[in-house]
Amino acid sequence: MYSHQQNFAKALKQTKNLRSRYLHTLAVFRIYEKFRKLAAPNIVGKKKAEANVKLFGNHLYFFSSLQEAARCYFFVELAKFFDENKHEQSLTIELLLNSHFTS
């Protein structure tokens, strides 16, 4: 296999990995966003919002922990996408764009 083919294969693999991480991050954000909407009376209606808040209150440690974990995971993953990757230890957008593949 020629070096440019190897470089392309490596770039394609990194792009797929970055895309997978992006989709996971987006899914976690959607979960967090859904929890916020379920408690908003202007979105789901007053009765449904009250029922949802009551349910969340009955299982406070489960739902609050889940919501906080989703929020934190989203922000950590978002930061990793735009991190300055000085030691090239993780896959970032900068690493993918500035990669100097072996020739």
PDB file of N, CA and C in Angstrom:
ATOM      1  N   MET A   1       0.852  -1.173   0.000  1.00  0.00           N
ATOM      2  CA  MET A   1       0.000   0.000   0.000  1.00  0.00           C
ATOM      3  C   MET A   1       0.897   1.235   0.000  1.00  0.00           C
ATOM      4  N   TYR A   2       0.557   2.200  -0.841  1.00  0.00           N
ATOM      5  CA  TYR A   2       1.337   3.416  -0.934  1.00  0.00           C
ATOM      6  C   TYR A   2       1.119   4.291   0.298  1.00  0.00           C
ATOM      7  N   SER A   3       2.073   5.191   0.547  1.00  0.00           N
ATOM      8  CA  SER A   3       2.008   6.026   1.751  1.00  0.00           C
ATOM      9  C   SER A   3       0.784   6.937   1.744  1.00  0.00           C
ATOM     10  N   HIS A   4       0.409   7.480   0.571  1.00  0.00           N
ATOM     11  CA  HIS A   4      -0.764   8.348   0.535  1.00  0.00           C
ATOM     12  C   HIS A   4      -2.040   7.558   0.801  1.00  0.00           C
ATOM     13  N   GLN A   5      -2.060   6.287   0.428  1.00  0.00           N
ATOM     14  CA  GLN A   5      -3.210   5.437   0.738  1.00  0.00           C
ATOM     15  C   GLN A   5      -3.275   5.155   2.245  1.00  0.00           C
ATOM     16  N   GLN A   6      -2.106   4.948   2.849  1.00  0.00           N
ATOM     17  CA  GLN A   6      -2.052   4.730   4.296  1.00  0.00           C
ATOM     18  C   GLN A   6      -2.495   5.994   5.037  1.00  0.00           C
ATOM     19  N   ASN A   7      -2.044   7.141   4.564  1.00  0.00           N
ATOM     20  CA  ASN A   7      -2.447   8.410   5.182  1.00  0.00           C
ATOM     21  C   ASN A   7      -3.948   8.613   5.083  1.00  0.00           C
ATOM     22  N   PHE A   8      -4.506   8.308   3.918  1.00  0.00           N
ATOM     23  CA  PHE A   8      -5.940   8.461   3.735  1.00  0.00           C
ATOM     24  C   PHE A   8      -6.704   7.503   4.641  1.00  0.00           C
ATOM     25  N   ALA A   9      -6.242   6.271   4.743  1.00  0.00           N
ATOM     26  CA  ALA A   9      -6.898   5.278   5.603  1.00  0.00           C
ATOM     27  C   ALA A   9      -6.845   5.718   7.067  1.00  0.00           C
ATOM     28  N   LYS A  10      -5.710   6.262   7.491  1.00  0.00           N
ATOM     29  CA  LYS A  10      -5.566   6.739   8.861  1.00  0.00           C
ATOM     30  C   LYS A  10      -6.491   7.934   9.124  1.00  0.00           C
ATOM     31  N   ALA A  11      -6.541   8.865   8.175  1.00  0.00           N
ATOM     32  CA  ALA A  11      -7.414  10.031   8.323  1.00  0.00           C
ATOM     33  C   ALA A  11      -8.883   9.614   8.342  1.00  0.00           C
ATOM     34  N   LEU A  12      -9.245   8.662   7.519  1.00  0.00           N
ATOM     35  CA  LEU A  12     -10.621   8.174   7.479  1.00  0.00           C
ATOM     36  C   LEU A  12     -10.993   7.495   8.801  1.00  0.00           C
ATOM     37  N   LYS A  13     -10.089   6.719   9.362  1.00  0.00           N
ATOM     38  CA  LYS A  13     -10.333   6.052  10.644  1.00  0.00           C
ATOM     39  C   LYS A  13     -10.509   7.085  11.758  1.00  0.00           C
ATOM     40  N   GLN A  14      -9.642   8.096  11.781  1.00  0.00           N
ATOM     41  CA  GLN A  14      -9.751   9.138  12.803  1.00  0.00           C
ATOM     42  C   GLN A  14     -11.045   9.925  12.644  1.00  0.00           C
ATOM     43  N   THR A  15     -11.449  10.179  11.413  1.00  0.00           N
ATOM     44  CA  THR A  15     -12.698  10.896  11.164  1.00  0.00           C
ATOM     45  C   THR A  15     -13.888  10.084  11.664  1.00  0.00           C
ATOM     46  N   LYS A  16     -13.869   8.780  11.443  1.00  0.00           N
ATOM     47  CA  LYS A  16     -14.952   7.919  11.933  1.00  0.00           C
ATOM     48  C   LYS A  16     -14.991   7.916  13.457  1.00  0.00           C
ATOM     49  N   ASN A  17     -13.826   7.850  14.092  1.00  0.00           N
ATOM     50  CA  ASN A  17     -13.774   7.871  15.557  1.00  0.00           C
ATOM     51  C   ASN A  17     -14.290   9.199  16.105  1.00  0.00           C
ATOM     52  N   LEU A  18     -13.892  10.294  15.480  1.00  0.00           N
ATOM     53  CA  LEU A  18     -14.350  11.613  15.909  1.00  0.00           C
ATOM     54  C   LEU A  18     -15.857  11.759  15.699  1.00  0.00           C
ATOM     55  N   ARG A  19     -16.355  11.246  14.610  1.00  0.00           N
ATOM     56  CA  ARG A  19     -17.797  11.281  14.333  1.00  0.00           C
ATOM     57  C   ARG A  19     -18.555  10.479  15.384  1.00  0.00           C
ATOM     58  N   SER A  20     -18.042   9.331  15.743  1.00  0.00           N
ATOM     59  CA  SER A  20     -18.684   8.502  16.766  1.00  0.00           C
ATOM     60  C   SER A  20     -18.738   9.233  18.101  1.00  0.00           C
ATOM     61  N   ARG A  21     -17.635   9.855  18.489  1.00  0.00           N
ATOM     62  CA  ARG A  21     -17.618  10.643  19.727  1.00  0.00           C
ATOM     63  C   ARG A  21     -18.599  11.797  19.662  1.00  0.00           C
ATOM     64  N   TYR A  22     -18.685  12.445  18.505  1.00  0.00           N
ATOM     65  CA  TYR A  22     -19.615  13.557  18.329  1.00  0.00           C
ATOM     66  C   TYR A  22     -21.054  13.088  18.504  1.00  0.00           C
ATOM     67  N   LEU A  23     -21.404  11.965  17.903  1.00  0.00           N
ATOM     68  CA  LEU A  23     -22.769  11.464  18.004  1.00  0.00           C
ATOM     69  C   LEU A  23     -23.125  11.065  19.432  1.00  0.00           C
ATOM     70  N   HIS A  24     -22.171  10.471  20.160  1.00  0.00           N
ATOM     71  CA  HIS A  24     -22.408  10.149  21.572  1.00  0.00           C
ATOM     72  C   HIS A  24     -22.617  11.423  22.391  1.00  0.00           C
ATOM     73  N   THR A  25     -21.819  12.415  22.119  1.00  0.00           N
ATOM     74  CA  THR A  25     -21.936  13.695  22.826  1.00  0.00           C
ATOM     75  C   THR A  25     -23.279  14.346  22.530  1.00  0.00           C
ATOM     76  N   LEU A  26     -23.686  14.315  21.289  1.00  0.00           N
ATOM     77  CA  LEU A  26     -24.972  14.878  20.903  1.00  0.00           C
ATOM     78  C   LEU A  26     -26.130  14.123  21.556  1.00  0.00           C
ATOM     79  N   ALA A  27     -26.030  12.804  21.646  1.00  0.00           N
ATOM     80  CA  ALA A  27     -27.074  12.005  22.288  1.00  0.00           C
ATOM     81  C   ALA A  27     -27.191  12.344  23.770  1.00  0.00           C
ATOM     82  N   VAL A  28     -26.069  12.525  24.437  1.00  0.00           N
ATOM     83  CA  VAL A  28     -26.098  12.885  25.853  1.00  0.00           C
ATOM     84  C   VAL A  28     -26.718  14.267  26.041  1.00  0.00           C
ATOM     85  N   PHE A  29     -26.412  15.192  25.154  1.00  0.00           N
ATOM     86  CA  PHE A  29     -27.019  16.517  25.243  1.00  0.00           C
ATOM     87  C   PHE A  29     -28.531  16.430  25.058  1.00  0.00           C
ATOM     88  N   ARG A  30     -28.975  15.595  24.134  1.00  0.00           N
ATOM     89  CA  ARG A  30     -30.417  15.440  23.907  1.00  0.00           C
ATOM     90  C   ARG A  30     -31.103  14.848  25.139  1.00  0.00           C
ATOM     91  N   ILE A  31     -30.444  13.930  25.828  1.00  0.00           N
ATOM     92  CA  ILE A  31     -31.001  13.368  27.065  1.00  0.00           C
ATOM     93  C   ILE A  31     -31.132  14.458  28.116  1.00  0.00           C
ATOM     94  N   TYR A  32     -30.081  15.240  28.298  1.00  0.00           N
ATOM     95  CA  TYR A  32     -30.110  16.340  29.263  1.00  0.00           C
ATOM     96  C   TYR A  32     -31.216  17.333  28.905  1.00  0.00           C
ATOM     97  N   GLU A  33     -31.292  17.685  27.648  1.00  0.00           N
ATOM     98  CA  GLU A  33     -32.296  18.637  27.181  1.00  0.00           C
ATOM     99  C   GLU A  33     -33.714  18.100  27.411  1.00  0.00           C
ATOM    100  N   LYS A  34     -33.918  16.809  27.212  1.00  0.00           N
ATOM    101  CA  LYS A  34     -35.232  16.204  27.403  1.00  0.00           C
ATOM    102  C   LYS A  34     -35.659  16.278  28.870  1.00  0.00           C
ATOM    103  N   PHE A  35     -34.732  16.037  29.788  1.00  0.00           N
ATOM    104  CA  PHE A  35     -35.048  16.172  31.214  1.00  0.00           C
ATOM    105  C   PHE A  35     -35.486  17.595  31.529  1.00  0.00           C
ATOM    106  N   ARG A  36     -34.804  18.569  30.965  1.00  0.00           N
ATOM    107  CA  ARG A  36     -35.168  19.969  31.216  1.00  0.00           C
ATOM    108  C   ARG A  36     -36.561  20.283  30.655  1.00  0.00           C
ATOM    109  N   LYS A  37     -36.863  19.756  29.477  1.00  0.00           N
ATOM    110  CA  LYS A  37     -38.156  20.026  28.856  1.00  0.00           C
ATOM    111  C   LYS A  37     -39.302  19.345  29.594  1.00  0.00           C
ATOM    112  N   LEU A  38     -39.045  18.168  30.159  1.00  0.00           N
ATOM    113  CA  LEU A  38     -40.102  17.439  30.859  1.00  0.00           C
ATOM    114  C   LEU A  38     -40.620  18.189  32.079  1.00  0.00           C
ATOM    115  N   ALA A  39     -39.809  19.060  32.644  1.00  0.00           N
ATOM    116  CA  ALA A  39     -40.215  19.822  33.826  1.00  0.00           C
ATOM    117  C   ALA A  39     -40.665  21.241  33.487  1.00  0.00           C
ATOM    118  N   ALA A  40     -40.704  21.586  32.216  1.00  0.00           N
ATOM    119  CA  ALA A  40     -41.070  22.946  31.804  1.00  0.00           C
ATOM    120  C   ALA A  40     -42.557  23.021  31.469  1.00  0.00           C
ATOM    121  N   PRO A  41     -43.340  23.758  32.274  1.00  0.00           N
ATOM    122  CA  PRO A  41     -44.783  23.832  32.013  1.00  0.00           C
ATOM    123  C   PRO A  41     -45.143  24.505  30.694  1.00  0.00           C
ATOM    124  N   ASN A  42     -44.325  25.390  30.211  1.00  0.00           N
ATOM    125  CA  ASN A  42     -44.622  26.055  28.939  1.00  0.00           C
ATOM    126  C   ASN A  42     -44.378  25.157  27.727  1.00  0.00           C
ATOM    127  N   ILE A  43     -43.727  24.019  27.939  1.00  0.00           N
ATOM    128  CA  ILE A  43     -43.452  23.102  26.827  1.00  0.00           C
ATOM    129  C   ILE A  43     -44.379  21.884  26.859  1.00  0.00           C
ATOM    130  N   VAL A  44     -44.495  21.222  28.014  1.00  0.00           N
ATOM    131  CA  VAL A  44     -45.295  19.999  28.099  1.00  0.00           C
ATOM    132  C   VAL A  44     -46.665  20.224  28.720  1.00  0.00           C
ATOM    133  N   GLY A  45     -46.907  21.408  29.203  1.00  0.00           N
ATOM    134  CA  GLY A  45     -48.173  21.687  29.868  1.00  0.00           C
ATOM    135  C   GLY A  45     -48.019  21.627  31.379  1.00  0.00           C
ATOM    136  N   LYS A  46     -48.894  22.352  32.051  1.00  0.00           N
ATOM    137  CA  LYS A  46     -48.759  22.481  33.508  1.00  0.00           C
ATOM    138  C   LYS A  46     -48.966  21.153  34.227  1.00  0.00           C
ATOM    139  N   LYS A  47     -50.004  20.389  33.864  1.00  0.00           N
ATOM    140  CA  LYS A  47     -50.295  19.125  34.556  1.00  0.00           C
ATOM    141  C   LYS A  47     -49.174  18.106  34.353  1.00  0.00           C
ATOM    142  N   LYS A  48     -48.726  17.974  33.112  1.00  0.00           N
ATOM    143  CA  LYS A  48     -47.650  17.015  32.832  1.00  0.00           C
ATOM    144  C   LYS A  48     -46.357  17.423  33.527  1.00  0.00           C
ATOM    145  N   ALA A  49     -46.057  18.706  33.509  1.00  0.00           N
ATOM    146  CA  ALA A  49     -44.832  19.187  34.154  1.00  0.00           C
ATOM    147  C   ALA A  49     -44.884  18.929  35.650  1.00  0.00           C
ATOM    148  N   GLU A  50     -46.029  19.180  36.280  1.00  0.00           N
ATOM    149  CA  GLU A  50     -46.163  18.918  37.715  1.00  0.00           C
ATOM    150  C   GLU A  50     -46.023  17.435  38.026  1.00  0.00           C
ATOM    151  N   ALA A  51     -46.634  16.592  37.185  1.00  0.00           N
ATOM    152  CA  ALA A  51     -46.514  15.146  37.385  1.00  0.00           C
ATOM    153  C   ALA A  51     -45.065  14.693  37.215  1.00  0.00           C
ATOM    154  N   ASN A  52     -44.383  15.243  36.215  1.00  0.00           N
ATOM    155  CA  ASN A  52     -42.980  14.877  35.989  1.00  0.00           C
ATOM    156  C   ASN A  52     -42.098  15.338  37.143  1.00  0.00           C
ATOM    157  N   VAL A  53     -42.314  16.555  37.618  1.00  0.00           N
ATOM    158  CA  VAL A  53     -41.528  17.068  38.745  1.00  0.00           C
ATOM    159  C   VAL A  53     -41.777  16.222  39.992  1.00  0.00           C
ATOM    160  N   LYS A  54     -43.013  15.800  40.185  1.00  0.00           N
ATOM    161  CA  LYS A  54     -43.334  14.936  41.335  1.00  0.00           C
ATOM    162  C   LYS A  54     -42.591  13.602  41.206  1.00  0.00           C
ATOM    163  N   LEU A  55     -42.613  13.033  40.022  1.00  0.00           N
ATOM    164  CA  LEU A  55     -41.885  11.774  39.789  1.00  0.00           C
ATOM    165  C   LEU A  55     -40.388  11.963  40.015  1.00  0.00           C
ATOM    166  N   PHE A  56     -39.835  13.054  39.499  1.00  0.00           N
ATOM    167  CA  PHE A  56     -38.410  13.339  39.709  1.00  0.00           C
ATOM    168  C   PHE A  56     -38.117  13.480  41.197  1.00  0.00           C
ATOM    169  N   GLY A  57     -39.049  14.107  41.937  1.00  0.00           N
ATOM    170  CA  GLY A  57     -38.868  14.294  43.372  1.00  0.00           C
ATOM    171  C   GLY A  57     -38.936  12.988  44.145  1.00  0.00           C
ATOM    172  N   ASN A  58     -39.765  12.050  43.674  1.00  0.00           N
ATOM    173  CA  ASN A  58     -39.872  10.748  44.343  1.00  0.00           C
ATOM    174  C   ASN A  58     -38.600   9.921  44.187  1.00  0.00           C
ATOM    175  N   HIS A  59     -37.884  10.158  43.122  1.00  0.00           N
ATOM    176  CA  HIS A  59     -36.633   9.433  42.840  1.00  0.00           C
ATOM    177  C   HIS A  59     -35.510  10.450  42.652  1.00  0.00           C
ATOM    178  N   LEU A  60     -35.380  11.317  43.604  1.00  0.00           N
ATOM    179  CA  LEU A  60     -34.489  12.472  43.513  1.00  0.00           C
ATOM    180  C   LEU A  60     -33.051  12.075  43.215  1.00  0.00           C
ATOM    181  N   TYR A  61     -32.533  11.109  43.937  1.00  0.00           N
ATOM    182  CA  TYR A  61     -31.126  10.754  43.769  1.00  0.00           C
ATOM    183  C   TYR A  61     -30.851  10.114  42.410  1.00  0.00           C
ATOM    184  N   PHE A  62     -31.823   9.451  41.853  1.00  0.00           N
ATOM    185  CA  PHE A  62     -31.631   8.856  40.536  1.00  0.00           C
ATOM    186  C   PHE A  62     -31.664   9.921  39.440  1.00  0.00           C
ATOM    187  N   PHE A  63     -32.755  10.690  39.382  1.00  0.00           N
ATOM    188  CA  PHE A  63     -32.924  11.635  38.278  1.00  0.00           C
ATOM    189  C   PHE A  63     -31.969  12.822  38.358  1.00  0.00           C
ATOM    190  N   SER A  64     -31.729  13.332  39.546  1.00  0.00           N
ATOM    191  CA  SER A  64     -30.807  14.475  39.643  1.00  0.00           C
ATOM    192  C   SER A  64     -29.381  14.041  39.319  1.00  0.00           C
ATOM    193  N   SER A  65     -29.009  12.851  39.760  1.00  0.00           N
ATOM    194  CA  SER A  65     -27.664  12.338  39.433  1.00  0.00           C
ATOM    195  C   SER A  65     -27.526  12.085  37.943  1.00  0.00           C
ATOM    196  N   LEU A  66     -28.557  11.530  37.347  1.00  0.00           N
ATOM    197  CA  LEU A  66     -28.531  11.252  35.915  1.00  0.00           C
ATOM    198  C   LEU A  66     -28.438  12.530  35.100  1.00  0.00           C
ATOM    199  N   GLN A  67     -29.219  13.522  35.479  1.00  0.00           N
ATOM    200  CA  GLN A  67     -29.206  14.800  34.763  1.00  0.00           C
ATOM    201  C   GLN A  67     -27.854  15.497  34.913  1.00  0.00           C
ATOM    202  N   GLU A  68     -27.307  15.503  36.106  1.00  0.00           N
ATOM    203  CA  GLU A  68     -26.010  16.149  36.335  1.00  0.00           C
ATOM    204  C   GLU A  68     -24.887  15.412  35.612  1.00  0.00           C
ATOM    205  N   ALA A  69     -24.955  14.087  35.600  1.00  0.00           N
ATOM    206  CA  ALA A  69     -23.939  13.306  34.883  1.00  0.00           C
ATOM    207  C   ALA A  69     -23.983  13.594  33.390  1.00  0.00           C
ATOM    208  N   ALA A  70     -25.186  13.685  32.839  1.00  0.00           N
ATOM    209  CA  ALA A  70     -25.326  13.994  31.409  1.00  0.00           C
ATOM    210  C   ALA A  70     -24.778  15.383  31.106  1.00  0.00           C
ATOM    211  N   ARG A  71     -25.071  16.341  31.970  1.00  0.00           N
ATOM    212  CA  ARG A  71     -24.582  17.711  31.767  1.00  0.00           C
ATOM    213  C   ARG A  71     -23.055  17.763  31.798  1.00  0.00           C
ATOM    214  N   CYS A  72     -22.478  17.140  32.810  1.00  0.00           N
ATOM    215  CA  CYS A  72     -21.013  17.151  32.945  1.00  0.00           C
ATOM    216  C   CYS A  72     -20.340  16.414  31.792  1.00  0.00           C
ATOM    217  N   TYR A  73     -20.868  15.250  31.426  1.00  0.00           N
ATOM    218  CA  TYR A  73     -20.299  14.472  30.328  1.00  0.00           C
ATOM    219  C   TYR A  73     -20.313  15.286  29.037  1.00  0.00           C
ATOM    220  N   PHE A  74     -21.430  15.967  28.783  1.00  0.00           N
ATOM    221  CA  PHE A  74     -21.534  16.775  27.572  1.00  0.00           C
ATOM    222  C   PHE A  74     -20.459  17.853  27.525  1.00  0.00           C
ATOM    223  N   PHE A  75     -20.297  18.589  28.622  1.00  0.00           N
ATOM    224  CA  PHE A  75     -19.334  19.691  28.617  1.00  0.00           C
ATOM    225  C   PHE A  75     -17.890  19.194  28.556  1.00  0.00           C
ATOM    226  N   VAL A  76     -17.600  18.082  29.193  1.00  0.00           N
ATOM    227  CA  VAL A  76     -16.245  17.514  29.120  1.00  0.00           C
ATOM    228  C   VAL A  76     -15.943  17.074  27.693  1.00  0.00           C
ATOM    229  N   GLU A  77     -16.881  16.375  27.077  1.00  0.00           N
ATOM    230  CA  GLU A  77     -16.662  15.921  25.702  1.00  0.00           C
ATOM    231  C   GLU A  77     -16.566  17.097  24.728  1.00  0.00           C
ATOM    232  N   LEU A  78     -17.383  18.111  24.931  1.00  0.00           N
ATOM    233  CA  LEU A  78     -17.316  19.291  24.082  1.00  0.00           C
ATOM    234  C   LEU A  78     -15.949  19.965  24.196  1.00  0.00           C
ATOM    235  N   ALA A  79     -15.440  20.068  25.400  1.00  0.00           N
ATOM    236  CA  ALA A  79     -14.119  20.668  25.609  1.00  0.00           C
ATOM    237  C   ALA A  79     -13.030  19.830  24.938  1.00  0.00           C
ATOM    238  N   LYS A  80     -13.181  18.508  24.966  1.00  0.00           N
ATOM    239  CA  LYS A  80     -12.174  17.641  24.350  1.00  0.00           C
ATOM    240  C   LYS A  80     -12.098  17.835  22.841  1.00  0.00           C
ATOM    241  N   PHE A  81     -13.210  18.178  22.206  1.00  0.00           N
ATOM    242  CA  PHE A  81     -13.188  18.405  20.759  1.00  0.00           C
ATOM    243  C   PHE A  81     -12.295  19.580  20.385  1.00  0.00           C
ATOM    244  N   PHE A  82     -12.283  20.617  21.207  1.00  0.00           N
ATOM    245  CA  PHE A  82     -11.569  21.849  20.876  1.00  0.00           C
ATOM    246  C   PHE A  82     -10.305  22.042  21.710  1.00  0.00           C
ATOM    247  N   ASP A  83      -9.880  21.015  22.399  1.00  0.00           N
ATOM    248  CA  ASP A  83      -8.703  21.078  23.246  1.00  0.00           C
ATOM    249  C   ASP A  83      -7.454  21.286  22.402  1.00  0.00           C
ATOM    250  N   GLU A  84      -6.512  22.045  22.964  1.00  0.00           N
ATOM    251  CA  GLU A  84      -5.204  22.154  22.320  1.00  0.00           C
ATOM    252  C   GLU A  84      -4.426  20.913  22.702  1.00  0.00           C
ATOM    253  N   ASN A  85      -4.190  20.095  21.739  1.00  0.00           N
ATOM    254  CA  ASN A  85      -3.641  18.764  21.968  1.00  0.00           C
ATOM    255  C   ASN A  85      -2.120  18.793  21.819  1.00  0.00           C
ATOM    256  N   LYS A  86      -1.434  19.321  22.819  1.00  0.00           N
ATOM    257  CA  LYS A  86       0.012  19.503  22.720  1.00  0.00           C
ATOM    258  C   LYS A  86       0.781  18.181  22.724  1.00  0.00           C
ATOM    259  N   HIS A  87       0.264  17.182  23.410  1.00  0.00           N
ATOM    260  CA  HIS A  87       0.971  15.899  23.508  1.00  0.00           C
ATOM    261  C   HIS A  87       0.366  14.834  22.599  1.00  0.00           C
ATOM    262  N   GLU A  88      -0.644  15.218  21.837  1.00  0.00           N
ATOM    263  CA  GLU A  88      -1.321  14.323  20.896  1.00  0.00           C
ATOM    264  C   GLU A  88      -1.761  13.023  21.569  1.00  0.00           C
ATOM    265  N   GLN A  89      -2.350  13.151  22.766  1.00  0.00           N
ATOM    266  CA  GLN A  89      -2.807  11.980  23.504  1.00  0.00           C
ATOM    267  C   GLN A  89      -4.269  11.646  23.219  1.00  0.00           C
ATOM    268  N   SER A  90      -5.034  12.606  22.739  1.00  0.00           N
ATOM    269  CA  SER A  90      -6.436  12.332  22.450  1.00  0.00           C
ATOM    270  C   SER A  90      -6.784  12.872  21.075  1.00  0.00           C
ATOM    271  N   LEU A  91      -7.844  12.333  20.538  1.00  0.00           N
ATOM    272  CA  LEU A  91      -8.283  12.727  19.201  1.00  0.00           C
ATOM    273  C   LEU A  91      -9.110  14.005  19.297  1.00  0.00           C
ATOM    274  N   THR A  92      -8.604  15.078  18.723  1.00  0.00           N
ATOM    275  CA  THR A  92      -9.304  16.359  18.711  1.00  0.00           C
ATOM    276  C   THR A  92      -9.449  16.828  17.266  1.00  0.00           C
ATOM    277  N   ILE A  93     -10.242  17.855  17.076  1.00  0.00           N
ATOM    278  CA  ILE A  93     -10.402  18.422  15.736  1.00  0.00           C
ATOM    279  C   ILE A  93      -9.072  18.989  15.255  1.00  0.00           C
ATOM    280  N   GLU A  94      -8.345  19.642  16.175  1.00  0.00           N
ATOM    281  CA  GLU A  94      -7.043  20.209  15.820  1.00  0.00           C
ATOM    282  C   GLU A  94      -6.074  19.125  15.342  1.00  0.00           C
ATOM    283  N   LEU A  95      -6.047  18.002  16.036  1.00  0.00           N
ATOM    284  CA  LEU A  95      -5.155  16.910  15.647  1.00  0.00           C
ATOM    285  C   LEU A  95      -5.511  16.393  14.259  1.00  0.00           C
ATOM    286  N   LEU A  96      -6.791  16.259  13.991  1.00  0.00           N
ATOM    287  CA  LEU A  96      -7.220  15.744  12.702  1.00  0.00           C
ATOM    288  C   LEU A  96      -6.862  16.707  11.576  1.00  0.00           C
ATOM    289  N   LEU A  97      -7.046  18.002  11.804  1.00  0.00           N
ATOM    290  CA  LEU A  97      -6.762  18.988  10.761  1.00  0.00           C
ATOM    291  C   LEU A  97      -5.272  19.231  10.559  1.00  0.00           C
ATOM    292  N   ASN A  98      -4.495  19.128  11.634  1.00  0.00           N
ATOM    293  CA  ASN A  98      -3.077  19.438  11.541  1.00  0.00           C
ATOM    294  C   ASN A  98      -2.181  18.213  11.505  1.00  0.00           C
ATOM    295  N   SER A  99      -2.751  17.070  11.254  1.00  0.00           N
ATOM    296  CA  SER A  99      -1.958  15.840  11.276  1.00  0.00           C
ATOM    297  C   SER A  99      -0.913  15.851  10.170  1.00  0.00           C
ATOM    298  N   HIS A 100       0.252  15.451  10.568  1.00  0.00           N
ATOM    299  CA  HIS A 100       1.347  15.279   9.606  1.00  0.00           C
ATOM    300  C   HIS A 100       1.610  13.777   9.552  1.00  0.00           C
ATOM    301  N   PHE A 101       0.922  13.139   8.642  1.00  0.00           N
ATOM    302  CA  PHE A 101       1.041  11.690   8.536  1.00  0.00           C
ATOM    303  C   PHE A 101       2.395  11.352   7.937  1.00  0.00           C
ATOM    304  N   THR A 102       2.881  10.202   8.320  1.00  0.00           N
ATOM    305  CA  THR A 102       4.167   9.755   7.809  1.00  0.00           C
ATOM    306  C   THR A 102       4.055   9.495   6.309  1.00  0.00           C
ATOM    307  N   SER A 103       5.070   9.899   5.580  1.00  0.00           N
ATOM    308  CA  SER A 103       5.028   9.691   4.144  1.00  0.00           C
ATOM    309  C   SER A 103       5.881   8.542   3.712  1.00  0.00           C
TER     310      SER A 103
END
